[in-house]
Amino acid sequence: MDKKKDVPTSKRVPFASIFQVDVPKGRDGKHKVIITQILSDISQLIKGSALKIPLAQLPDTKENIRSALSRAARHQSIALATSSDEDFLYVWKTDESDSPTS
């Protein structure tokens, strides 16, 4: 038992324990940087425009980036659409978005 981190338990449990204040809060997923950048860029687009993102610059597959982007956009109530071809991922806001575009 580590003197500072482990919490004493009354019974033997199969897992280590720590104080609740030491539990990490929140989660920064592995796609946080790219998703934050895409959402920031999307917020600055004029209506009728789309981002054209080179697939070669993505840190993961386009499918994984799309999934992470979809979750983040839904969490922020931003309606997005995506498309892709062999070289690019295209992302744009749809008319359903709560956030106004210029």
C-alpha atoms as a PDB file:
ATOM      1  CA  MET A   1       0.000   0.000   0.000  1.00  0.00           C
ATOM      2  CA  ASP A   2       1.462   3.349  -1.121  1.00  0.00           C
ATOM      3  CA  LYS A   3       1.460   5.641   1.926  1.00  0.00           C
ATOM      4  CA  LYS A   4       0.162   8.745   0.108  1.00  0.00           C
ATOM      5  CA  LYS A   5      -2.101   7.455  -2.674  1.00  0.00           C
ATOM      6  CA  ASP A   6      -3.821   4.328  -1.446  1.00  0.00           C
ATOM      7  CA  VAL A   7      -6.832   4.473   0.814  1.00  0.00           C
ATOM      8  CA  PRO A   8      -7.061   1.895   3.564  1.00  0.00           C
ATOM      9  CA  THR A   9      -9.945  -0.549   3.100  1.00  0.00           C
ATOM     10  CA  SER A  10     -11.788  -2.631   5.634  1.00  0.00           C
ATOM     11  CA  LYS A  11     -11.881  -5.722   3.376  1.00  0.00           C
ATOM     12  CA  ARG A  12      -9.462  -7.029   0.840  1.00  0.00           C
ATOM     13  CA  VAL A  13     -10.564  -5.791  -2.594  1.00  0.00           C
ATOM     14  CA  PRO A  14      -9.011  -6.939  -5.864  1.00  0.00           C
ATOM     15  CA  PHE A  15      -8.314  -3.384  -7.072  1.00  0.00           C
ATOM     16  CA  ALA A  16      -6.272  -0.525  -5.684  1.00  0.00           C
ATOM     17  CA  SER A  17      -8.110   2.425  -4.195  1.00  0.00           C
ATOM     18  CA  ILE A  18      -7.377   6.147  -4.076  1.00  0.00           C
ATOM     19  CA  PHE A  19      -9.027   9.158  -2.497  1.00  0.00           C
ATOM     20  CA  GLN A  20     -11.812  10.663  -4.605  1.00  0.00           C
ATOM     21  CA  VAL A  21     -10.037  14.031  -4.751  1.00  0.00           C
ATOM     22  CA  ASP A  22      -7.197  12.279  -6.598  1.00  0.00           C
ATOM     23  CA  VAL A  23      -9.502  10.871  -9.293  1.00  0.00           C
ATOM     24  CA  PRO A  24      -8.912  12.634 -12.646  1.00  0.00           C
ATOM     25  CA  LYS A  25     -11.888  14.743 -13.693  1.00  0.00           C
ATOM     26  CA  GLY A  26     -12.793  15.085 -17.341  1.00  0.00           C
ATOM     27  CA  ARG A  27     -11.260  13.369 -20.284  1.00  0.00           C
ATOM     28  CA  ASP A  28      -9.071  14.701 -23.039  1.00  0.00           C
ATOM     29  CA  GLY A  29      -9.441  12.199 -25.815  1.00  0.00           C
ATOM     30  CA  LYS A  30      -6.663  11.528 -28.277  1.00  0.00           C
ATOM     31  CA  HIS A  31      -8.494  13.576 -30.928  1.00  0.00           C
ATOM     32  CA  LYS A  32      -9.056  16.653 -28.784  1.00  0.00           C
ATOM     33  CA  VAL A  33      -6.575  18.917 -30.607  1.00  0.00           C
ATOM     34  CA  ILE A  34      -7.863  18.248 -34.127  1.00  0.00           C
ATOM     35  CA  ILE A  35     -11.539  18.276 -33.095  1.00  0.00           C
ATOM     36  CA  THR A  36     -11.119  21.556 -31.209  1.00  0.00           C
ATOM     37  CA  GLN A  37      -9.419  23.071 -34.262  1.00  0.00           C
ATOM     38  CA  ILE A  38     -12.132  21.872 -36.655  1.00  0.00           C
ATOM     39  CA  LEU A  39     -14.939  23.181 -34.449  1.00  0.00           C
ATOM     40  CA  SER A  40     -13.149  26.510 -34.082  1.00  0.00           C
ATOM     41  CA  ASP A  41     -12.703  26.795 -37.838  1.00  0.00           C
ATOM     42  CA  ILE A  42     -16.336  25.773 -38.452  1.00  0.00           C
ATOM     43  CA  SER A  43     -17.553  28.566 -36.183  1.00  0.00           C
ATOM     44  CA  GLN A  44     -15.771  31.109 -38.391  1.00  0.00           C
ATOM     45  CA  LEU A  45     -17.111  29.898 -41.740  1.00  0.00           C
ATOM     46  CA  ILE A  46     -19.553  31.971 -43.725  1.00  0.00           C
ATOM     47  CA  LYS A  47     -22.866  30.312 -44.549  1.00  0.00           C
ATOM     48  CA  GLY A  48     -22.570  27.993 -47.517  1.00  0.00           C
ATOM     49  CA  SER A  49     -18.863  27.239 -46.931  1.00  0.00           C
ATOM     50  CA  ALA A  50     -17.189  23.996 -45.896  1.00  0.00           C
ATOM     51  CA  LEU A  51     -13.829  23.087 -44.457  1.00  0.00           C
ATOM     52  CA  LYS A  52     -11.585  21.106 -46.799  1.00  0.00           C
ATOM     53  CA  ILE A  53      -9.252  19.074 -44.591  1.00  0.00           C
ATOM     54  CA  PRO A  54      -6.467  16.975 -46.152  1.00  0.00           C
ATOM     55  CA  LEU A  55      -6.794  13.372 -44.992  1.00  0.00           C
ATOM     56  CA  ALA A  56      -3.009  13.147 -44.842  1.00  0.00           C
ATOM     57  CA  GLN A  57      -3.027  15.745 -42.030  1.00  0.00           C
ATOM     58  CA  LEU A  58      -5.465  13.839 -39.812  1.00  0.00           C
ATOM     59  CA  PRO A  59      -3.937  12.039 -36.810  1.00  0.00           C
ATOM     60  CA  ASP A  60      -6.241   9.031 -37.276  1.00  0.00           C
ATOM     61  CA  THR A  61      -8.573   7.501 -39.837  1.00  0.00           C
ATOM     62  CA  LYS A  62     -11.290   9.689 -41.297  1.00  0.00           C
ATOM     63  CA  GLU A  63     -13.879   7.372 -39.727  1.00  0.00           C
ATOM     64  CA  ASN A  64     -12.471   7.861 -36.229  1.00  0.00           C
ATOM     65  CA  ILE A  65     -12.173  11.626 -36.733  1.00  0.00           C
ATOM     66  CA  ARG A  66     -15.754  11.794 -38.022  1.00  0.00           C
ATOM     67  CA  SER A  67     -16.979   9.884 -34.970  1.00  0.00           C
ATOM     68  CA  ALA A  68     -15.103  12.116 -32.542  1.00  0.00           C
ATOM     69  CA  LEU A  69     -16.275  15.219 -34.421  1.00  0.00           C
ATOM     70  CA  SER A  70     -19.867  14.022 -34.363  1.00  0.00           C
ATOM     71  CA  ARG A  71     -19.759  13.430 -30.595  1.00  0.00           C
ATOM     72  CA  ALA A  72     -18.191  16.835 -29.909  1.00  0.00           C
ATOM     73  CA  ALA A  73     -20.584  18.680 -32.221  1.00  0.00           C
ATOM     74  CA  ARG A  74     -23.613  16.952 -30.700  1.00  0.00           C
ATOM     75  CA  HIS A  75     -22.333  17.853 -27.223  1.00  0.00           C
ATOM     76  CA  GLN A  76     -22.131  21.521 -28.298  1.00  0.00           C
ATOM     77  CA  SER A  77     -25.479  21.396 -30.175  1.00  0.00           C
ATOM     78  CA  ILE A  78     -23.834  22.069 -33.526  1.00  0.00           C
ATOM     79  CA  ALA A  79     -25.402  20.304 -36.518  1.00  0.00           C
ATOM     80  CA  LEU A  80     -22.664  19.229 -38.922  1.00  0.00           C
ATOM     81  CA  ALA A  81     -22.459  17.304 -42.142  1.00  0.00           C
ATOM     82  CA  THR A  82     -19.401  15.628 -43.602  1.00  0.00           C
ATOM     83  CA  SER A  83     -18.319  14.190 -46.899  1.00  0.00           C
ATOM     84  CA  SER A  84     -15.022  12.893 -48.210  1.00  0.00           C
ATOM     85  CA  ASP A  85     -13.161  11.828 -51.289  1.00  0.00           C
ATOM     86  CA  GLU A  86      -9.802  10.121 -51.676  1.00  0.00           C
ATOM     87  CA  ASP A  87      -7.842  13.129 -50.443  1.00  0.00           C
ATOM     88  CA  PHE A  88     -10.071  15.363 -48.313  1.00  0.00           C
ATOM     89  CA  LEU A  89     -12.617  15.413 -45.510  1.00  0.00           C
ATOM     90  CA  TYR A  90     -15.234  18.140 -45.975  1.00  0.00           C
ATOM     91  CA  VAL A  91     -17.116  19.500 -42.960  1.00  0.00           C
ATOM     92  CA  TRP A  92     -19.856  22.131 -42.832  1.00  0.00           C
ATOM     93  CA  LYS A  93     -22.689  23.345 -40.639  1.00  0.00           C
ATOM     94  CA  THR A  94     -26.202  22.420 -41.626  1.00  0.00           C
ATOM     95  CA  ASP A  95     -29.274  24.637 -41.319  1.00  0.00           C
ATOM     96  CA  GLU A  96     -30.207  22.788 -38.128  1.00  0.00           C
ATOM     97  CA  SER A  97     -27.316  24.362 -36.170  1.00  0.00           C
ATOM     98  CA  ASP A  98     -28.291  26.518 -33.216  1.00  0.00           C
ATOM     99  CA  SER A  99     -25.273  28.759 -33.718  1.00  0.00           C
ATOM    100  CA  PRO A 100     -25.796  31.467 -36.332  1.00  0.00           C
ATOM    101  CA  THR A 101     -23.322  31.740 -39.202  1.00  0.00           C
ATOM    102  CA  SER A 102     -22.363  34.878 -41.057  1.00  0.00           C
END
